């Protein structure tokens, strides 16, 4: 509980090998689950999790959480906070962060992503939540990876969960 992990992976297949069991286990336990998928994957994700489920929300957030081509992380965290409070059960959240676009193109975009992850970590500490943020190493470069390491207290990489001594 109160876990905020950065999951580094290579490609969709490796991501799905991790995210599908994570969410499926939450649904099996009666927990509310939310998945931020990349554009075009909502139906596939729902199907792989057994079809539409009353405790599952799958979103394709690409345009919804962008303001002037910059991630609106405050809107995401506010919505997640309201959702988790309303659910009244432990919650699981997973996000394929590729939806924010290939490596952010400007310092403002990278700063917004970093602030979002830091605020998500604070939110996770206040609510009964498990949150996994998926970063595809085939999509993001070091300009994103290094700050994301700093923004998460734990890292999952190559099948190993690590406590992060670089967490800020």
C-alpha atoms as a PDB file:
ATOM      1  CA  UNK A   1       0.000   0.000   0.000  1.00  0.00           C
ATOM      2  CA  UNK A   2       1.143   3.560  -0.670  1.00  0.00           C
ATOM      3  CA  UNK A   3       3.522   2.295  -3.367  1.00  0.00           C
ATOM      4  CA  UNK A   4       4.669   4.510  -6.242  1.00  0.00           C
ATOM      5  CA  UNK A   5       6.926   2.541  -8.571  1.00  0.00           C
ATOM      6  CA  UNK A   6       8.703   3.502 -11.747  1.00  0.00           C
ATOM      7  CA  UNK A   7       8.639   0.486 -14.045  1.00  0.00           C
ATOM      8  CA  UNK A   8      11.224   0.513 -16.816  1.00  0.00           C
ATOM      9  CA  UNK A   9      10.536  -1.887 -19.670  1.00  0.00           C
ATOM     10  CA  UNK A  10      11.195  -2.518 -23.345  1.00  0.00           C
ATOM     11  CA  UNK A  11       8.132  -2.492 -25.588  1.00  0.00           C
ATOM     12  CA  UNK A  12       4.460  -3.267 -25.307  1.00  0.00           C
ATOM     13  CA  UNK A  13       4.802  -7.025 -24.704  1.00  0.00           C
ATOM     14  CA  UNK A  14       7.026  -6.563 -21.656  1.00  0.00           C
ATOM     15  CA  UNK A  15       4.741  -3.817 -20.339  1.00  0.00           C
ATOM     16  CA  UNK A  16       1.668  -6.038 -20.753  1.00  0.00           C
ATOM     17  CA  UNK A  17       3.413  -8.926 -18.984  1.00  0.00           C
ATOM     18  CA  UNK A  18       3.585  -6.631 -15.943  1.00  0.00           C
ATOM     19  CA  UNK A  19       0.525  -4.376 -16.097  1.00  0.00           C
ATOM     20  CA  UNK A  20      -2.136  -6.984 -16.921  1.00  0.00           C
ATOM     21  CA  UNK A  21      -1.404  -9.246 -13.885  1.00  0.00           C
ATOM     22  CA  UNK A  22      -1.102  -6.161 -11.645  1.00  0.00           C
ATOM     23  CA  UNK A  23      -4.556  -4.896 -12.610  1.00  0.00           C
ATOM     24  CA  UNK A  24      -6.125  -8.368 -12.818  1.00  0.00           C
ATOM     25  CA  UNK A  25      -5.009  -9.109  -9.256  1.00  0.00           C
ATOM     26  CA  UNK A  26      -6.566  -5.844  -8.079  1.00  0.00           C
ATOM     27  CA  UNK A  27      -9.879  -6.672  -9.753  1.00  0.00           C
ATOM     28  CA  UNK A  28      -9.787 -10.164  -8.243  1.00  0.00           C
ATOM     29  CA  UNK A  29      -9.373  -8.572  -4.797  1.00  0.00           C
ATOM     30  CA  UNK A  30     -12.277  -6.163  -5.392  1.00  0.00           C
ATOM     31  CA  UNK A  31     -10.034  -3.124  -5.674  1.00  0.00           C
ATOM     32  CA  UNK A  32     -10.779  -0.213  -7.966  1.00  0.00           C
ATOM     33  CA  UNK A  33      -8.354  -0.119 -10.891  1.00  0.00           C
ATOM     34  CA  UNK A  34      -7.495   2.594 -13.375  1.00  0.00           C
ATOM     35  CA  UNK A  35      -5.223   2.277 -16.370  1.00  0.00           C
ATOM     36  CA  UNK A  36      -3.917   5.128 -18.491  1.00  0.00           C
ATOM     37  CA  UNK A  37      -3.307   3.442 -21.832  1.00  0.00           C
ATOM     38  CA  UNK A  38      -1.794   4.841 -24.988  1.00  0.00           C
ATOM     39  CA  UNK A  39      -4.089   5.883 -27.804  1.00  0.00           C
ATOM     40  CA  UNK A  40      -5.798   2.937 -29.464  1.00  0.00           C
ATOM     41  CA  UNK A  41      -5.195   0.350 -26.717  1.00  0.00           C
ATOM     42  CA  UNK A  42      -8.267   0.812 -24.492  1.00  0.00           C
ATOM     43  CA  UNK A  43     -10.350  -1.990 -26.009  1.00  0.00           C
ATOM     44  CA  UNK A  44      -7.445  -4.424 -26.038  1.00  0.00           C
ATOM     45  CA  UNK A  45      -6.605  -3.688 -22.395  1.00  0.00           C
ATOM     46  CA  UNK A  46     -10.218  -4.158 -21.295  1.00  0.00           C
ATOM     47  CA  UNK A  47     -10.455  -7.433 -23.240  1.00  0.00           C
ATOM     48  CA  UNK A  48      -7.216  -8.788 -21.751  1.00  0.00           C
ATOM     49  CA  UNK A  49      -8.624  -8.017 -18.297  1.00  0.00           C
ATOM     50  CA  UNK A  50     -11.800  -9.992 -18.946  1.00  0.00           C
ATOM     51  CA  UNK A  51     -13.982  -7.406 -20.654  1.00  0.00           C
ATOM     52  CA  UNK A  52     -15.593  -4.299 -19.215  1.00  0.00           C
ATOM     53  CA  UNK A  53     -15.594  -4.516 -15.427  1.00  0.00           C
ATOM     54  CA  UNK A  54     -17.400  -2.222 -12.955  1.00  0.00           C
ATOM     55  CA  UNK A  55     -14.198  -1.704 -10.915  1.00  0.00           C
ATOM     56  CA  UNK A  56     -12.006  -0.952 -13.959  1.00  0.00           C
ATOM     57  CA  UNK A  57     -11.487   2.303 -15.811  1.00  0.00           C
ATOM     58  CA  UNK A  58      -9.248   2.362 -18.870  1.00  0.00           C
ATOM     59  CA  UNK A  59      -8.495   5.762 -20.353  1.00  0.00           C
ATOM     60  CA  UNK A  60      -6.628   7.042 -23.379  1.00  0.00           C
ATOM     61  CA  UNK A  61      -5.649  10.428 -21.929  1.00  0.00           C
ATOM     62  CA  UNK A  62      -3.456  11.863 -24.688  1.00  0.00           C
ATOM     63  CA  UNK A  63      -5.382  15.079 -25.391  1.00  0.00           C
ATOM     64  CA  UNK A  64      -7.429  15.360 -22.219  1.00  0.00           C
ATOM     65  CA  UNK A  65      -4.497  16.133 -19.923  1.00  0.00           C
ATOM     66  CA  UNK A  66      -2.522  18.430 -22.192  1.00  0.00           C
ATOM     67  CA  UNK A  67      -2.648  22.203 -21.923  1.00  0.00           C
ATOM     68  CA  UNK A  68      -0.691  24.188 -24.514  1.00  0.00           C
ATOM     69  CA  UNK A  69       1.237  20.995 -25.409  1.00  0.00           C
ATOM     70  CA  UNK A  70       2.324  20.590 -21.761  1.00  0.00           C
ATOM     71  CA  UNK A  71       1.151  17.873 -19.378  1.00  0.00           C
ATOM     72  CA  UNK A  72      -1.468  19.127 -16.904  1.00  0.00           C
ATOM     73  CA  UNK A  73      -0.383  16.938 -14.015  1.00  0.00           C
ATOM     74  CA  UNK A  74      -2.396  18.880 -11.457  1.00  0.00           C
ATOM     75  CA  UNK A  75      -5.615  17.938 -13.261  1.00  0.00           C
ATOM     76  CA  UNK A  76      -4.614  14.274 -13.316  1.00  0.00           C
ATOM     77  CA  UNK A  77      -3.734  14.135  -9.616  1.00  0.00           C
ATOM     78  CA  UNK A  78      -6.896  16.040  -8.630  1.00  0.00           C
ATOM     79  CA  UNK A  79      -9.025  13.609 -10.636  1.00  0.00           C
ATOM     80  CA  UNK A  80      -7.220  10.583  -9.189  1.00  0.00           C
ATOM     81  CA  UNK A  81      -7.621  11.949  -5.669  1.00  0.00           C
ATOM     82  CA  UNK A  82     -11.364  12.416  -6.129  1.00  0.00           C
ATOM     83  CA  UNK A  83     -11.694   8.960  -7.711  1.00  0.00           C
ATOM     84  CA  UNK A  84      -9.734   7.149  -4.980  1.00  0.00           C
ATOM     85  CA  UNK A  85     -11.649   8.916  -2.217  1.00  0.00           C
ATOM     86  CA  UNK A  86     -14.990   8.073  -3.861  1.00  0.00           C
ATOM     87  CA  UNK A  87     -14.053   4.396  -4.342  1.00  0.00           C
ATOM     88  CA  UNK A  88     -13.518   3.798  -0.634  1.00  0.00           C
ATOM     89  CA  UNK A  89     -11.342   0.711  -1.264  1.00  0.00           C
ATOM     90  CA  UNK A  90      -7.687   0.197  -2.002  1.00  0.00           C
ATOM     91  CA  UNK A  91      -6.980   1.359  -5.548  1.00  0.00           C
ATOM     92  CA  UNK A  92      -4.523   0.405  -8.247  1.00  0.00           C
ATOM     93  CA  UNK A  93      -3.343   2.816 -10.886  1.00  0.00           C
ATOM     94  CA  UNK A  94      -1.089   2.042 -13.806  1.00  0.00           C
ATOM     95  CA  UNK A  95      -0.018   4.392 -16.526  1.00  0.00           C
ATOM     96  CA  UNK A  96       1.878   3.778 -19.723  1.00  0.00           C
ATOM     97  CA  UNK A  97       3.618   7.110 -19.737  1.00  0.00           C
ATOM     98  CA  UNK A  98       4.278   6.885 -23.478  1.00  0.00           C
ATOM     99  CA  UNK A  99       1.005   8.780 -23.896  1.00  0.00           C
ATOM    100  CA  UNK A 100       2.790  11.980 -22.869  1.00  0.00           C
ATOM    101  CA  UNK A 101       4.707  11.655 -26.128  1.00  0.00           C
ATOM    102  CA  UNK A 102       8.150  10.613 -27.069  1.00  0.00           C
ATOM    103  CA  UNK A 103      10.795  12.299 -24.934  1.00  0.00           C
ATOM    104  CA  UNK A 104       9.477  15.757 -23.982  1.00  0.00           C
ATOM    105  CA  UNK A 105      10.724  18.370 -26.396  1.00  0.00           C
ATOM    106  CA  UNK A 106      11.090  21.320 -24.072  1.00  0.00           C
ATOM    107  CA  UNK A 107      12.266  22.046 -20.540  1.00  0.00           C
ATOM    108  CA  UNK A 108       8.681  23.047 -19.683  1.00  0.00           C
ATOM    109  CA  UNK A 109       7.370  19.645 -20.762  1.00  0.00           C
ATOM    110  CA  UNK A 110      10.012  17.753 -18.797  1.00  0.00           C
ATOM    111  CA  UNK A 111       9.460  19.945 -15.745  1.00  0.00           C
ATOM    112  CA  UNK A 112       5.694  19.349 -15.933  1.00  0.00           C
ATOM    113  CA  UNK A 113       6.235  15.584 -16.118  1.00  0.00           C
ATOM    114  CA  UNK A 114       8.614  15.658 -13.141  1.00  0.00           C
ATOM    115  CA  UNK A 115       6.179  17.802 -11.084  1.00  0.00           C
ATOM    116  CA  UNK A 116       3.356  15.411 -11.961  1.00  0.00           C
ATOM    117  CA  UNK A 117       5.348  12.402 -10.736  1.00  0.00           C
ATOM    118  CA  UNK A 118       6.335  14.172  -7.515  1.00  0.00           C
ATOM    119  CA  UNK A 119       2.699  15.174  -6.856  1.00  0.00           C
ATOM    120  CA  UNK A 120       1.535  11.644  -7.688  1.00  0.00           C
ATOM    121  CA  UNK A 121       3.951  10.377  -5.034  1.00  0.00           C
ATOM    122  CA  UNK A 122       2.430  12.725  -2.460  1.00  0.00           C
ATOM    123  CA  UNK A 123      -1.073  11.594  -3.454  1.00  0.00           C
ATOM    124  CA  UNK A 124      -0.101   7.911  -3.112  1.00  0.00           C
ATOM    125  CA  UNK A 125       1.106   8.608   0.434  1.00  0.00           C
ATOM    126  CA  UNK A 126      -2.336  10.027   1.369  1.00  0.00           C
ATOM    127  CA  UNK A 127      -4.546   7.297  -0.110  1.00  0.00           C
ATOM    128  CA  UNK A 128      -4.625   3.466  -0.032  1.00  0.00           C
ATOM    129  CA  UNK A 129      -3.090   3.210  -3.494  1.00  0.00           C
ATOM    130  CA  UNK A 130      -0.644   1.139  -5.496  1.00  0.00           C
ATOM    131  CA  UNK A 131       0.646   3.164  -8.477  1.00  0.00           C
ATOM    132  CA  UNK A 132       2.883   1.926 -11.290  1.00  0.00           C
ATOM    133  CA  UNK A 133       4.288   4.332 -13.874  1.00  0.00           C
ATOM    134  CA  UNK A 134       5.536   2.532 -16.979  1.00  0.00           C
ATOM    135  CA  UNK A 135       8.419   4.074 -18.919  1.00  0.00           C
ATOM    136  CA  UNK A 136       9.431   2.341 -22.122  1.00  0.00           C
ATOM    137  CA  UNK A 137      13.201   2.461 -22.551  1.00  0.00           C
ATOM    138  CA  UNK A 138      12.641   2.219 -26.310  1.00  0.00           C
ATOM    139  CA  UNK A 139      10.646   5.477 -26.219  1.00  0.00           C
ATOM    140  CA  UNK A 140      12.261   7.682 -23.584  1.00  0.00           C
ATOM    141  CA  UNK A 141      15.865   8.796 -23.463  1.00  0.00           C
ATOM    142  CA  UNK A 142      18.112   9.756 -20.569  1.00  0.00           C
ATOM    143  CA  UNK A 143      16.658  13.271 -20.386  1.00  0.00           C
ATOM    144  CA  UNK A 144      13.466  11.657 -19.079  1.00  0.00           C
ATOM    145  CA  UNK A 145      14.784   8.523 -17.387  1.00  0.00           C
ATOM    146  CA  UNK A 146      17.106  10.291 -14.930  1.00  0.00           C
ATOM    147  CA  UNK A 147      14.434  12.672 -13.550  1.00  0.00           C
ATOM    148  CA  UNK A 148      11.914   9.829 -13.346  1.00  0.00           C
ATOM    149  CA  UNK A 149      14.344   7.798 -11.263  1.00  0.00           C
ATOM    150  CA  UNK A 150      14.568  10.751  -8.868  1.00  0.00           C
ATOM    151  CA  UNK A 151      10.764  11.087  -8.715  1.00  0.00           C
ATOM    152  CA  UNK A 152      10.008   7.513  -7.594  1.00  0.00           C
ATOM    153  CA  UNK A 153      10.885   5.844  -4.267  1.00  0.00           C
ATOM    154  CA  UNK A 154      11.104   2.432  -5.926  1.00  0.00           C
ATOM    155  CA  UNK A 155      12.232   1.239  -9.359  1.00  0.00           C
ATOM    156  CA  UNK A 156      11.371  -1.985 -11.209  1.00  0.00           C
ATOM    157  CA  UNK A 157      13.948  -2.940 -13.795  1.00  0.00           C
ATOM    158  CA  UNK A 158      14.744  -6.273 -15.439  1.00  0.00           C
ATOM    159  CA  UNK A 159      12.635  -8.200 -12.947  1.00  0.00           C
ATOM    160  CA  UNK A 160      14.120  -6.603  -9.841  1.00  0.00           C
ATOM    161  CA  UNK A 161      12.422  -4.208  -7.415  1.00  0.00           C
ATOM    162  CA  UNK A 162      14.879  -1.691  -6.019  1.00  0.00           C
ATOM    163  CA  UNK A 163      14.526   0.842  -3.238  1.00  0.00           C
ATOM    164  CA  UNK A 164      15.747   4.059  -4.784  1.00  0.00           C
ATOM    165  CA  UNK A 165      18.536   5.901  -2.957  1.00  0.00           C
ATOM    166  CA  UNK A 166      18.213   8.772  -5.494  1.00  0.00           C
ATOM    167  CA  UNK A 167      14.560   9.532  -4.705  1.00  0.00           C
ATOM    168  CA  UNK A 168      13.989  13.196  -3.938  1.00  0.00           C
END
